Amino acid sequence: MTTSTNELLLALRAPTSGWLAAVICALDEALLDHDFTEQHRAMLRDLLDSGQVPANVAAASHDRLQRFEEAVQTLHDALIGDGDPVEDIKASRPHLTLCATAA
């Protein structure tokens, strides 16, 4: 079965398509990464075909994702700093005061 782009776009408009969107976004990023090999693609196809993820694989995936997120956060902190970027932006902007009456 081949799904057309229009079918995917229509499916993504549904209010219940949050997981579909999340998986497609993750897949899009993975396909851009040269480390995401044909073997990885085959493993994903097998999981989809089986209709379930073994509990130990799900647990290992959660653990690996947490370590990946920590590595990304560490890299972010090293490049940007650990300050709050929203507060930094607010502090750098001029403060404007609105008056209720015209002078």
Protein backbone atom coordinates (compact mmCIF):
# COMPACT_ATOMS: atom_id res chain seq x y z
CA MET A 1 0.00 0.00 0.00
CA THR A 2 1.31 3.39 -0.97
CA THR A 3 -0.07 6.45 0.77
CA SER A 4 -0.16 9.65 -1.23
CA THR A 5 1.02 12.99 0.07
CA ASN A 6 -2.55 14.30 -0.07
CA GLU A 7 -3.77 11.37 2.07
CA LEU A 8 -1.08 12.12 4.66
CA LEU A 9 -1.91 15.82 4.67
CA LEU A 10 -5.59 15.02 5.14
CA ALA A 11 -4.81 12.56 7.94
CA LEU A 12 -2.69 15.18 9.71
CA ARG A 13 -5.66 17.57 9.84
CA ALA A 14 -7.54 15.19 12.14
CA PRO A 15 -7.59 16.23 15.82
CA THR A 16 -6.45 12.72 16.77
CA SER A 17 -3.35 12.75 14.55
CA GLY A 18 -0.88 13.99 17.18
CA TRP A 19 1.05 10.72 17.32
CA LEU A 20 1.13 10.47 13.54
CA ALA A 21 2.62 13.96 13.39
CA ALA A 22 5.18 13.14 16.10
CA VAL A 23 6.30 9.94 14.35
CA ILE A 24 6.52 11.66 10.96
CA CYS A 25 8.60 14.51 12.44
CA ALA A 26 10.95 12.02 14.11
CA LEU A 27 11.19 10.00 10.90
CA ASP A 28 11.91 13.12 8.85
CA GLU A 29 14.80 14.00 11.18
CA ALA A 30 16.08 10.42 11.17
CA LEU A 31 16.07 10.21 7.37
CA LEU A 32 18.30 13.30 7.25
CA ASP A 33 20.87 11.63 9.52
CA HIS A 34 23.47 9.47 7.76
CA ASP A 35 23.72 7.34 10.92
CA PHE A 36 20.11 6.18 10.40
CA THR A 37 20.90 3.17 8.23
CA GLU A 38 18.89 0.82 6.05
CA GLN A 39 19.17 -1.71 8.88
CA HIS A 40 17.41 0.76 11.22
CA ARG A 41 14.69 1.30 8.60
CA ALA A 42 14.19 -2.46 8.32
CA MET A 43 13.91 -2.77 12.11
CA LEU A 44 11.22 -0.08 12.16
CA ARG A 45 9.33 -1.79 9.33
CA ASP A 46 9.41 -5.04 11.32
CA LEU A 47 8.07 -3.29 14.44
CA LEU A 48 5.27 -1.69 12.45
CA ASP A 49 4.43 -4.98 10.77
CA SER A 50 4.33 -6.82 14.10
CA GLY A 51 2.02 -4.17 15.57
CA GLN A 52 3.79 -4.02 18.93
CA VAL A 53 7.01 -3.01 20.60
CA PRO A 54 8.42 -5.56 23.05
CA ALA A 55 8.44 -4.16 26.61
CA ASN A 56 12.21 -4.52 27.02
CA VAL A 57 12.78 -2.70 23.70
CA ALA A 58 10.43 0.12 24.78
CA ALA A 59 12.23 0.44 28.13
CA ALA A 60 15.67 0.47 26.47
CA SER A 61 14.41 3.07 23.98
CA HIS A 62 13.17 5.35 26.76
CA ASP A 63 16.53 5.06 28.51
CA ARG A 64 18.47 5.79 25.31
CA LEU A 65 16.22 8.75 24.48
CA GLN A 66 16.75 10.21 27.95
CA ARG A 67 20.53 9.98 27.53
CA PHE A 68 20.21 11.57 24.07
CA GLU A 69 18.15 14.44 25.51
CA GLU A 70 20.73 14.96 28.26
CA ALA A 71 23.51 15.09 25.66
CA VAL A 72 21.58 17.64 23.61
CA GLN A 73 20.95 19.73 26.75
CA THR A 74 24.64 19.59 27.68
CA LEU A 75 25.60 20.72 24.18
CA HIS A 76 23.01 23.49 24.30
CA ASP A 77 24.28 24.70 27.67
CA ALA A 78 27.86 24.68 26.40
CA LEU A 79 26.95 26.70 23.29
CA ILE A 80 24.28 29.03 24.64
CA GLY A 81 24.61 28.98 28.40
CA ASP A 82 22.18 27.82 31.01
CA GLY A 83 20.32 31.13 31.46
CA ASP A 84 16.67 31.55 30.59
CA PRO A 85 16.64 32.89 26.99
CA VAL A 86 13.14 34.35 27.37
CA GLU A 87 14.16 36.33 30.45
CA ASP A 88 17.37 37.43 28.70
CA ILE A 89 15.33 38.78 25.79
CA LYS A 90 12.85 40.52 28.09
CA ALA A 91 15.69 42.17 30.02
CA SER A 92 17.31 43.48 26.84
CA ARG A 93 14.14 45.12 25.51
CA PRO A 94 13.17 48.70 26.40
CA HIS A 95 10.29 49.04 28.84
CA LEU A 96 7.32 50.93 27.45
CA THR A 97 4.60 52.53 29.55
CA LEU A 98 1.12 53.03 28.18
CA CYS A 99 -0.86 56.04 29.38
CA ALA A 100 -4.63 56.10 29.69
CA THR A 101 -4.94 59.80 28.79
CA ALA A 102 -3.37 61.81 26.03
CA ALA A 103 -1.05 64.62 27.09
